Amino acid sequence: MEIRVQVSQYVQDRIAALRATSAPNESASHGLYQNVSIVRANAMKFMPNYIPKNSLSCLFFLFPDPHFKARKHKARIISPTLLAEYAYVLRPGGIVYTITDVHDLHQWMKAHLEAFPLFEHVSEDALRAEGKGSILDAVCNSTEEGKKVERNQGEKWLACFRRVVANRCN
């Protein structure tokens, strides 16, 4: 989900190019990259309308806009209100991956996720032991923004959280 027109179009074009180059001898409906798409919509408002409860195994927040000004913090993609939405669509045991090159934003995201009762921090080592090393490597090194940070010799901060089962009071 992406609200910006140009970014949505870029992603749509990129998906089409990947599909076209991945399987030139196969029909478009049977090649690679069939489980990825882009929807131009405001995820902060409409995500539960598109994604059913407990249906995702992971969520990725890769180099989100830091919204530096305090009055814009409510627009950050990780916020107390939105964490409830993410917990709704993420199945128990699912992972939230966050990475940024802005240390203050990393601290913000980490603090909010740690404070939310349906998420618990999970270490990079634990995820690698679970066989998720290739996902971590992709998160850290395969995005356009991640490559840009490396070219500029910047730092990246990764934090991952597991969706836990809610405790119900009887």
N, C-alpha and C. Protein backbone atom coordinates (compact mmCIF):
# COMPACT_ATOMS: atom_id res chain seq x y z
N MET A 1 0.86 -1.17 0.00
CA MET A 1 0.00 0.00 0.00
C MET A 1 0.90 1.23 0.00
N GLU A 2 0.56 2.14 -0.85
CA GLU A 2 1.35 3.37 -1.00
C GLU A 2 0.40 4.48 -1.40
N ILE A 3 0.55 5.63 -0.77
CA ILE A 3 -0.35 6.74 -1.05
C ILE A 3 0.18 7.65 -2.16
N ARG A 4 1.50 7.67 -2.36
CA ARG A 4 2.09 8.59 -3.34
C ARG A 4 1.99 8.02 -4.76
N VAL A 5 1.50 8.84 -5.68
CA VAL A 5 1.25 8.41 -7.06
C VAL A 5 2.54 7.95 -7.73
N GLN A 6 3.59 8.76 -7.67
CA GLN A 6 4.83 8.42 -8.38
C GLN A 6 5.47 7.15 -7.82
N VAL A 7 5.45 6.99 -6.53
CA VAL A 7 6.02 5.78 -5.92
C VAL A 7 5.19 4.56 -6.31
N SER A 8 3.87 4.70 -6.28
CA SER A 8 2.99 3.59 -6.69
C SER A 8 3.27 3.17 -8.13
N GLN A 9 3.40 4.16 -9.00
CA GLN A 9 3.65 3.85 -10.41
C GLN A 9 5.01 3.18 -10.59
N TYR A 10 6.02 3.67 -9.85
CA TYR A 10 7.35 3.06 -9.92
C TYR A 10 7.28 1.59 -9.51
N VAL A 11 6.61 1.31 -8.41
CA VAL A 11 6.51 -0.06 -7.92
C VAL A 11 5.73 -0.93 -8.91
N GLN A 12 4.65 -0.40 -9.46
CA GLN A 12 3.88 -1.15 -10.45
C GLN A 12 4.73 -1.49 -11.67
N ASP A 13 5.50 -0.52 -12.14
CA ASP A 13 6.39 -0.75 -13.29
C ASP A 13 7.47 -1.76 -12.96
N ARG A 14 8.00 -1.67 -11.75
CA ARG A 14 9.07 -2.59 -11.31
C ARG A 14 8.55 -4.03 -11.24
N ILE A 15 7.36 -4.20 -10.69
CA ILE A 15 6.76 -5.54 -10.62
C ILE A 15 6.55 -6.09 -12.03
N ALA A 16 6.03 -5.27 -12.92
CA ALA A 16 5.81 -5.71 -14.30
C ALA A 16 7.12 -6.12 -14.96
N ALA A 17 8.18 -5.35 -14.73
CA ALA A 17 9.48 -5.68 -15.31
C ALA A 17 10.03 -6.98 -14.74
N LEU A 18 9.90 -7.18 -13.44
CA LEU A 18 10.37 -8.42 -12.82
C LEU A 18 9.61 -9.63 -13.35
N ARG A 19 8.31 -9.48 -13.51
CA ARG A 19 7.51 -10.58 -14.05
C ARG A 19 7.93 -10.90 -15.48
N ALA A 20 8.16 -9.86 -16.26
CA ALA A 20 8.51 -10.05 -17.68
C ALA A 20 9.88 -10.70 -17.85
N THR A 21 10.83 -10.35 -17.00
CA THR A 21 12.19 -10.88 -17.16
C THR A 21 12.42 -12.20 -16.42
N SER A 22 11.54 -12.53 -15.48
CA SER A 22 11.77 -13.74 -14.68
C SER A 22 11.40 -15.02 -15.41
N ALA A 23 10.41 -14.97 -16.26
CA ALA A 23 9.94 -16.19 -16.92
C ALA A 23 9.47 -15.87 -18.34
N PRO A 24 10.40 -15.57 -19.24
CA PRO A 24 9.98 -15.19 -20.59
C PRO A 24 9.29 -16.32 -21.35
N ASN A 25 9.50 -17.56 -20.97
CA ASN A 25 8.89 -18.68 -21.69
C ASN A 25 7.61 -19.19 -21.03
N GLU A 26 7.28 -18.62 -19.87
CA GLU A 26 6.08 -19.06 -19.17
C GLU A 26 4.98 -18.02 -19.33
N SER A 27 3.74 -18.45 -19.16
CA SER A 27 2.65 -17.49 -19.22
C SER A 27 2.75 -16.58 -18.00
N ALA A 28 2.25 -15.38 -18.13
CA ALA A 28 2.37 -14.38 -17.06
C ALA A 28 1.74 -14.83 -15.76
N SER A 29 0.74 -15.68 -15.82
CA SER A 29 0.05 -16.08 -14.60
C SER A 29 0.77 -17.20 -13.85
N HIS A 30 1.82 -17.79 -14.42
CA HIS A 30 2.50 -18.89 -13.76
C HIS A 30 3.95 -18.59 -13.42
N GLY A 31 4.46 -17.42 -13.75
CA GLY A 31 5.85 -17.08 -13.49
C GLY A 31 6.06 -16.61 -12.07
N LEU A 32 7.25 -16.09 -11.83
CA LEU A 32 7.59 -15.56 -10.51
C LEU A 32 6.91 -14.20 -10.29
N TYR A 33 6.96 -13.74 -9.08
CA TYR A 33 6.45 -12.42 -8.69
C TYR A 33 4.94 -12.29 -8.87
N GLN A 34 4.22 -13.37 -8.70
CA GLN A 34 2.76 -13.33 -8.81
C GLN A 34 2.10 -13.03 -7.47
N ASN A 35 2.87 -13.08 -6.39
CA ASN A 35 2.30 -12.83 -5.07
C ASN A 35 2.66 -11.44 -4.54
N VAL A 36 2.92 -10.51 -5.44
CA VAL A 36 3.25 -9.15 -5.05
C VAL A 36 2.41 -8.19 -5.88
N SER A 37 1.97 -7.13 -5.24
CA SER A 37 1.19 -6.12 -5.95
C SER A 37 1.29 -4.80 -5.21
N ILE A 38 0.74 -3.79 -5.81
CA ILE A 38 0.72 -2.46 -5.21
C ILE A 38 -0.72 -1.95 -5.24
N VAL A 39 -1.14 -1.36 -4.16
CA VAL A 39 -2.45 -0.72 -4.08
C VAL A 39 -2.21 0.73 -3.69
N ARG A 40 -2.75 1.65 -4.47
CA ARG A 40 -2.60 3.06 -4.13
C ARG A 40 -3.70 3.41 -3.13
N ALA A 41 -3.32 3.43 -1.86
CA ALA A 41 -4.25 3.71 -0.78
C ALA A 41 -3.46 4.14 0.45
N ASN A 42 -4.11 4.79 1.35
CA ASN A 42 -3.50 5.21 2.60
C ASN A 42 -3.57 4.06 3.60
N ALA A 43 -2.45 3.40 3.81
CA ALA A 43 -2.41 2.26 4.73
C ALA A 43 -2.78 2.67 6.15
N MET A 44 -2.48 3.91 6.50
CA MET A 44 -2.77 4.37 7.85
C MET A 44 -4.28 4.44 8.10
N LYS A 45 -5.06 4.54 7.04
CA LYS A 45 -6.51 4.62 7.19
C LYS A 45 -7.24 3.35 6.78
N PHE A 46 -6.76 2.68 5.74
CA PHE A 46 -7.57 1.65 5.11
C PHE A 46 -7.01 0.23 5.15
N MET A 47 -5.88 0.00 5.80
CA MET A 47 -5.28 -1.33 5.77
C MET A 47 -6.23 -2.44 6.21
N PRO A 48 -6.96 -2.30 7.32
CA PRO A 48 -7.86 -3.39 7.72
C PRO A 48 -8.99 -3.66 6.72
N ASN A 49 -9.27 -2.70 5.84
CA ASN A 49 -10.29 -2.90 4.81
C ASN A 49 -9.77 -3.79 3.68
N TYR A 50 -8.46 -3.86 3.53
CA TYR A 50 -7.85 -4.64 2.45
C TYR A 50 -7.29 -5.98 2.93
N ILE A 51 -6.83 -6.01 4.17
CA ILE A 51 -6.10 -7.18 4.66
C ILE A 51 -6.87 -7.83 5.82
N PRO A 52 -7.24 -9.09 5.69
CA PRO A 52 -8.00 -9.77 6.75
C PRO A 52 -7.19 -9.97 8.04
N LYS A 53 -7.90 -10.17 9.11
CA LYS A 53 -7.31 -10.41 10.42
C LYS A 53 -6.39 -11.64 10.38
N ASN A 54 -5.23 -11.51 11.04
CA ASN A 54 -4.26 -12.61 11.20
C ASN A 54 -3.82 -13.23 9.88
N SER A 55 -3.77 -12.46 8.81
CA SER A 55 -3.47 -13.05 7.50
C SER A 55 -2.03 -12.87 7.04
N LEU A 56 -1.27 -11.99 7.66
CA LEU A 56 0.10 -11.75 7.22
C LEU A 56 1.10 -12.43 8.15
N SER A 57 2.18 -12.92 7.57
CA SER A 57 3.24 -13.53 8.38
C SER A 57 4.34 -12.53 8.69
N CYS A 58 4.42 -11.43 7.96
CA CYS A 58 5.41 -10.40 8.27
C CYS A 58 5.00 -9.06 7.70
N LEU A 59 5.49 -8.02 8.35
CA LEU A 59 5.32 -6.64 7.91
C LEU A 59 6.71 -6.01 7.85
N PHE A 60 6.94 -5.20 6.85
CA PHE A 60 8.24 -4.56 6.66
C PHE A 60 8.07 -3.05 6.67
N PHE A 61 8.85 -2.39 7.52
CA PHE A 61 8.90 -0.92 7.55
C PHE A 61 10.36 -0.55 7.28
N LEU A 62 10.65 -0.31 6.01
CA LEU A 62 12.02 -0.14 5.56
C LEU A 62 12.29 1.32 5.22
N PHE A 63 13.10 1.95 6.03
CA PHE A 63 13.49 3.34 5.85
C PHE A 63 12.28 4.25 5.70
N PRO A 64 11.36 4.23 6.69
CA PRO A 64 10.18 5.09 6.60
C PRO A 64 10.55 6.56 6.78
N ASP A 65 9.64 7.42 6.34
CA ASP A 65 9.82 8.86 6.50
C ASP A 65 9.94 9.17 7.99
N PRO A 66 10.99 9.88 8.42
CA PRO A 66 11.18 10.12 9.85
C PRO A 66 10.26 11.20 10.44
N HIS A 67 9.67 12.06 9.63
CA HIS A 67 8.83 13.15 10.15
C HIS A 67 9.49 13.77 11.38
N PHE A 68 10.56 14.50 11.15
CA PHE A 68 11.39 15.02 12.23
C PHE A 68 10.67 15.98 13.18
N LYS A 69 9.81 16.84 12.67
CA LYS A 69 9.15 17.84 13.53
C LYS A 69 8.18 17.15 14.48
N ALA A 70 8.19 17.61 15.74
CA ALA A 70 7.36 16.98 16.77
C ALA A 70 5.88 17.00 16.39
N ARG A 71 5.43 18.06 15.74
CA ARG A 71 4.02 18.14 15.37
C ARG A 71 3.65 17.14 14.28
N LYS A 72 4.65 16.57 13.60
CA LYS A 72 4.40 15.59 12.55
C LYS A 72 4.58 14.14 13.03
N HIS A 73 4.94 13.96 14.30
CA HIS A 73 5.16 12.60 14.81
C HIS A 73 3.92 11.72 14.67
N LYS A 74 2.73 12.33 14.71
CA LYS A 74 1.51 11.53 14.55
C LYS A 74 1.41 10.90 13.16
N ALA A 75 2.17 11.42 12.21
CA ALA A 75 2.17 10.87 10.85
C ALA A 75 3.17 9.74 10.67
N ARG A 76 3.94 9.44 11.71
CA ARG A 76 4.90 8.34 11.60
C ARG A 76 4.16 7.02 11.43
N ILE A 77 4.76 6.15 10.64
CA ILE A 77 4.12 4.88 10.30
C ILE A 77 4.08 3.91 11.50
N ILE A 78 4.93 4.12 12.47
CA ILE A 78 4.87 3.37 13.73
C ILE A 78 4.36 4.34 14.79
N SER A 79 3.16 4.08 15.27
CA SER A 79 2.54 4.93 16.29
C SER A 79 1.61 4.04 17.12
N PRO A 80 1.25 4.48 18.32
CA PRO A 80 0.39 3.64 19.16
C PRO A 80 -0.92 3.23 18.47
N THR A 81 -1.53 4.14 17.74
CA THR A 81 -2.79 3.83 17.06
C THR A 81 -2.58 2.78 15.98
N LEU A 82 -1.55 2.95 15.18
CA LEU A 82 -1.32 2.03 14.07
C LEU A 82 -0.83 0.66 14.52
N LEU A 83 -0.19 0.58 15.68
CA LEU A 83 0.28 -0.72 16.15
C LEU A 83 -0.89 -1.68 16.36
N ALA A 84 -2.03 -1.16 16.78
CA ALA A 84 -3.22 -2.01 16.92
C ALA A 84 -3.65 -2.55 15.56
N GLU A 85 -3.55 -1.73 14.52
CA GLU A 85 -3.90 -2.17 13.17
C GLU A 85 -2.93 -3.26 12.69
N TYR A 86 -1.65 -3.05 12.96
CA TYR A 86 -0.65 -4.03 12.54
C TYR A 86 -0.84 -5.36 13.27
N ALA A 87 -1.15 -5.28 14.57
CA ALA A 87 -1.39 -6.51 15.33
C ALA A 87 -2.63 -7.24 14.80
N TYR A 88 -3.60 -6.50 14.31
CA TYR A 88 -4.82 -7.08 13.76
C TYR A 88 -4.53 -7.90 12.50
N VAL A 89 -3.73 -7.38 11.60
CA VAL A 89 -3.49 -8.08 10.32
C VAL A 89 -2.36 -9.11 10.40
N LEU A 90 -1.50 -9.00 11.41
CA LEU A 90 -0.36 -9.91 11.54
C LEU A 90 -0.76 -11.12 12.38
N ARG A 91 -0.49 -12.31 11.87
CA ARG A 91 -0.85 -13.51 12.62
C ARG A 91 0.07 -13.67 13.83
N PRO A 92 -0.39 -14.32 14.89
CA PRO A 92 0.49 -14.60 16.03
C PRO A 92 1.72 -15.36 15.56
N GLY A 93 2.88 -14.91 16.02
CA GLY A 93 4.15 -15.48 15.59
C GLY A 93 4.75 -14.73 14.41
N GLY A 94 3.96 -13.87 13.77
CA GLY A 94 4.45 -13.08 12.65
C GLY A 94 5.48 -12.06 13.11
N ILE A 95 6.27 -11.57 12.17
CA ILE A 95 7.39 -10.68 12.50
C ILE A 95 7.20 -9.31 11.86
N VAL A 96 7.48 -8.28 12.65
CA VAL A 96 7.57 -6.90 12.15
C VAL A 96 9.05 -6.59 12.01
N TYR A 97 9.48 -6.25 10.81
CA TYR A 97 10.87 -5.87 10.53
C TYR A 97 10.92 -4.36 10.36
N THR A 98 11.78 -3.68 11.12
CA THR A 98 11.98 -2.24 10.94
C THR A 98 13.46 -1.98 10.71
N ILE A 99 13.74 -1.05 9.82
CA ILE A 99 15.11 -0.62 9.60
C ILE A 99 15.08 0.85 9.18
N THR A 100 16.05 1.60 9.66
CA THR A 100 16.15 3.02 9.33
C THR A 100 17.60 3.45 9.42
N ASP A 101 17.89 4.57 8.81
CA ASP A 101 19.22 5.17 8.94
C ASP A 101 19.18 6.39 9.85
N VAL A 102 18.05 6.60 10.52
CA VAL A 102 17.87 7.72 11.45
C VAL A 102 17.77 7.14 12.85
N HIS A 103 18.81 7.37 13.66
CA HIS A 103 18.85 6.74 14.99
C HIS A 103 17.67 7.15 15.86
N ASP A 104 17.28 8.42 15.84
CA ASP A 104 16.14 8.86 16.65
C ASP A 104 14.86 8.13 16.25
N LEU A 105 14.67 7.93 14.97
CA LEU A 105 13.48 7.21 14.50
C LEU A 105 13.55 5.74 14.94
N HIS A 106 14.74 5.14 14.87
CA HIS A 106 14.91 3.76 15.35
C HIS A 106 14.49 3.66 16.81
N GLN A 107 14.97 4.59 17.63
CA GLN A 107 14.62 4.58 19.05
C GLN A 107 13.11 4.74 19.24
N TRP A 108 12.50 5.62 18.45
CA TRP A 108 11.05 5.85 18.51
C TRP A 108 10.28 4.57 18.19
N MET A 109 10.63 3.96 17.06
CA MET A 109 9.91 2.74 16.64
C MET A 109 10.10 1.63 17.66
N LYS A 110 11.32 1.46 18.11
CA LYS A 110 11.63 0.40 19.07
C LYS A 110 10.86 0.61 20.38
N ALA A 111 10.86 1.84 20.88
CA ALA A 111 10.16 2.14 22.14
C ALA A 111 8.66 1.89 22.01
N HIS A 112 8.07 2.29 20.91
CA HIS A 112 6.63 2.10 20.74
C HIS A 112 6.26 0.62 20.57
N LEU A 113 7.06 -0.11 19.82
CA LEU A 113 6.79 -1.54 19.65
C LEU A 113 7.00 -2.30 20.96
N GLU A 114 8.03 -1.95 21.72
CA GLU A 114 8.27 -2.61 23.01
C GLU A 114 7.16 -2.32 24.01
N ALA A 115 6.57 -1.13 23.93
CA ALA A 115 5.52 -0.74 24.87
C ALA A 115 4.17 -1.37 24.52
N PHE A 116 4.01 -1.83 23.30
CA PHE A 116 2.73 -2.38 22.87
C PHE A 116 2.63 -3.84 23.32
N PRO A 117 1.55 -4.24 23.99
CA PRO A 117 1.50 -5.58 24.59
C PRO A 117 1.46 -6.75 23.62
N LEU A 118 1.16 -6.53 22.35
CA LEU A 118 1.06 -7.64 21.41
C LEU A 118 2.33 -7.87 20.60
N PHE A 119 3.41 -7.14 20.93
CA PHE A 119 4.68 -7.34 20.25
C PHE A 119 5.79 -7.53 21.26
N GLU A 120 6.72 -8.44 20.95
CA GLU A 120 7.90 -8.62 21.78
C GLU A 120 9.13 -8.56 20.88
N HIS A 121 10.18 -7.96 21.40
CA HIS A 121 11.42 -7.84 20.63
C HIS A 121 12.01 -9.22 20.40
N VAL A 122 12.55 -9.43 19.21
CA VAL A 122 13.23 -10.68 18.89
C VAL A 122 14.58 -10.31 18.27
N SER A 123 15.63 -10.95 18.74
CA SER A 123 16.98 -10.60 18.29
C SER A 123 17.25 -11.10 16.88
N GLU A 124 18.19 -10.45 16.24
CA GLU A 124 18.63 -10.87 14.91
C GLU A 124 19.16 -12.30 14.96
N ASP A 125 19.92 -12.62 16.00
CA ASP A 125 20.47 -13.98 16.14
C ASP A 125 19.35 -15.03 16.23
N ALA A 126 18.31 -14.72 17.00
CA ALA A 126 17.19 -15.66 17.13
C ALA A 126 16.50 -15.87 15.79
N LEU A 127 16.32 -14.80 15.03
CA LEU A 127 15.69 -14.93 13.72
C LEU A 127 16.56 -15.73 12.76
N ARG A 128 17.86 -15.50 12.81
CA ARG A 128 18.77 -16.28 11.95
C ARG A 128 18.70 -17.76 12.33
N ALA A 129 18.62 -18.06 13.63
CA ALA A 129 18.51 -19.45 14.08
C ALA A 129 17.21 -20.09 13.61
N GLU A 130 16.18 -19.28 13.38
CA GLU A 130 14.89 -19.77 12.88
C GLU A 130 14.88 -19.89 11.35
N GLY A 131 16.01 -19.58 10.72
CA GLY A 131 16.07 -19.69 9.26
C GLY A 131 15.64 -18.45 8.51
N LYS A 132 15.58 -17.32 9.20
CA LYS A 132 15.14 -16.08 8.57
C LYS A 132 16.31 -15.17 8.18
N GLY A 133 17.50 -15.75 8.07
CA GLY A 133 18.68 -14.96 7.72
C GLY A 133 18.58 -14.31 6.36
N SER A 134 18.01 -15.01 5.39
CA SER A 134 17.90 -14.42 4.04
C SER A 134 16.96 -13.22 4.04
N ILE A 135 15.92 -13.26 4.87
CA ILE A 135 15.01 -12.12 4.98
C ILE A 135 15.75 -10.94 5.60
N LEU A 136 16.49 -11.20 6.68
CA LEU A 136 17.26 -10.13 7.32
C LEU A 136 18.27 -9.52 6.36
N ASP A 137 18.96 -10.36 5.60
CA ASP A 137 19.94 -9.86 4.63
C ASP A 137 19.26 -8.99 3.58
N ALA A 138 18.10 -9.42 3.11
CA ALA A 138 17.37 -8.63 2.11
C ALA A 138 16.91 -7.30 2.70
N VAL A 139 16.40 -7.33 3.92
CA VAL A 139 15.94 -6.10 4.57
C VAL A 139 17.09 -5.11 4.70
N CYS A 140 18.25 -5.60 5.08
CA CYS A 140 19.39 -4.72 5.33
C CYS A 140 20.11 -4.28 4.06
N ASN A 141 20.12 -5.12 3.04
CA ASN A 141 21.03 -4.86 1.91
C ASN A 141 20.39 -4.78 0.53
N SER A 142 19.14 -5.11 0.38
CA SER A 142 18.58 -5.22 -0.96
C SER A 142 17.68 -4.07 -1.40
N THR A 143 17.33 -3.18 -0.51
CA THR A 143 16.47 -2.07 -0.91
C THR A 143 17.29 -0.95 -1.52
N GLU A 144 16.64 -0.14 -2.34
CA GLU A 144 17.32 1.02 -2.94
C GLU A 144 17.87 1.94 -1.84
N GLU A 145 17.05 2.19 -0.82
CA GLU A 145 17.47 3.08 0.26
C GLU A 145 18.62 2.47 1.05
N GLY A 146 18.57 1.17 1.31
CA GLY A 146 19.66 0.50 2.02
C GLY A 146 20.97 0.58 1.27
N LYS A 147 20.91 0.41 -0.04
CA LYS A 147 22.12 0.53 -0.86
C LYS A 147 22.66 1.96 -0.85
N LYS A 148 21.75 2.93 -0.86
CA LYS A 148 22.16 4.34 -0.81
C LYS A 148 22.87 4.65 0.51
N VAL A 149 22.35 4.13 1.61
CA VAL A 149 22.98 4.34 2.91
C VAL A 149 24.38 3.75 2.91
N GLU A 150 24.54 2.57 2.34
CA GLU A 150 25.87 1.94 2.26
C GLU A 150 26.82 2.76 1.41
N ARG A 151 26.35 3.24 0.26
CA ARG A 151 27.21 4.06 -0.61
C ARG A 151 27.69 5.31 0.12
N ASN A 152 26.81 5.88 0.94
CA ASN A 152 27.16 7.09 1.70
C ASN A 152 27.84 6.77 3.02
N GLN A 153 28.13 5.50 3.25
CA GLN A 153 28.79 5.02 4.47
C GLN A 153 28.04 5.43 5.74
N GLY A 154 26.71 5.37 5.65
CA GLY A 154 25.87 5.67 6.81
C GLY A 154 25.62 4.42 7.64
N GLU A 155 24.94 4.62 8.74
CA GLU A 155 24.60 3.50 9.63
C GLU A 155 23.14 3.11 9.42
N LYS A 156 22.85 1.84 9.67
CA LYS A 156 21.49 1.33 9.60
C LYS A 156 21.16 0.68 10.94
N TRP A 157 19.93 0.89 11.39
CA TRP A 157 19.48 0.29 12.65
C TRP A 157 18.28 -0.60 12.37
N LEU A 158 18.43 -1.86 12.76
CA LEU A 158 17.41 -2.89 12.55
C LEU A 158 16.78 -3.25 13.89
N ALA A 159 15.48 -3.44 13.89
CA ALA A 159 14.79 -3.97 15.07
C ALA A 159 13.64 -4.83 14.58
N CYS A 160 13.46 -5.99 15.21
CA CYS A 160 12.42 -6.92 14.80
C CYS A 160 11.58 -7.31 16.01
N PHE A 161 10.29 -7.52 15.75
CA PHE A 161 9.35 -7.82 16.82
C PHE A 161 8.40 -8.92 16.38
N ARG A 162 8.10 -9.81 17.33
CA ARG A 162 7.18 -10.92 17.05
C ARG A 162 5.80 -10.58 17.61
N ARG A 163 4.79 -10.92 16.83
CA ARG A 163 3.40 -10.75 17.28
C ARG A 163 3.10 -11.88 18.25
N VAL A 164 2.68 -11.54 19.45
CA VAL A 164 2.37 -12.55 20.47
C VAL A 164 0.86 -12.77 20.54
N VAL A 165 0.47 -13.85 21.15
CA VAL A 165 -0.94 -14.16 21.34
C VAL A 165 -1.48 -13.28 22.46
N ALA A 166 -2.63 -12.71 22.25
CA ALA A 166 -3.25 -11.86 23.27
C ALA A 166 -3.72 -12.70 24.44
N ASN A 167 -3.49 -12.20 25.65
CA ASN A 167 -4.02 -12.85 26.84
C ASN A 167 -5.45 -12.36 27.05
N ARG A 168 -6.37 -13.30 27.15
CA ARG A 168 -7.77 -12.92 27.34
C ARG A 168 -8.16 -13.12 28.80
N CYS A 169 -8.90 -12.17 29.31
CA CYS A 169 -9.42 -12.28 30.67
C CYS A 169 -10.78 -12.97 30.60
N ASN A 170 -10.99 -13.97 31.43
CA ASN A 170 -12.28 -14.68 31.43
C ASN A 170 -13.12 -14.24 32.59
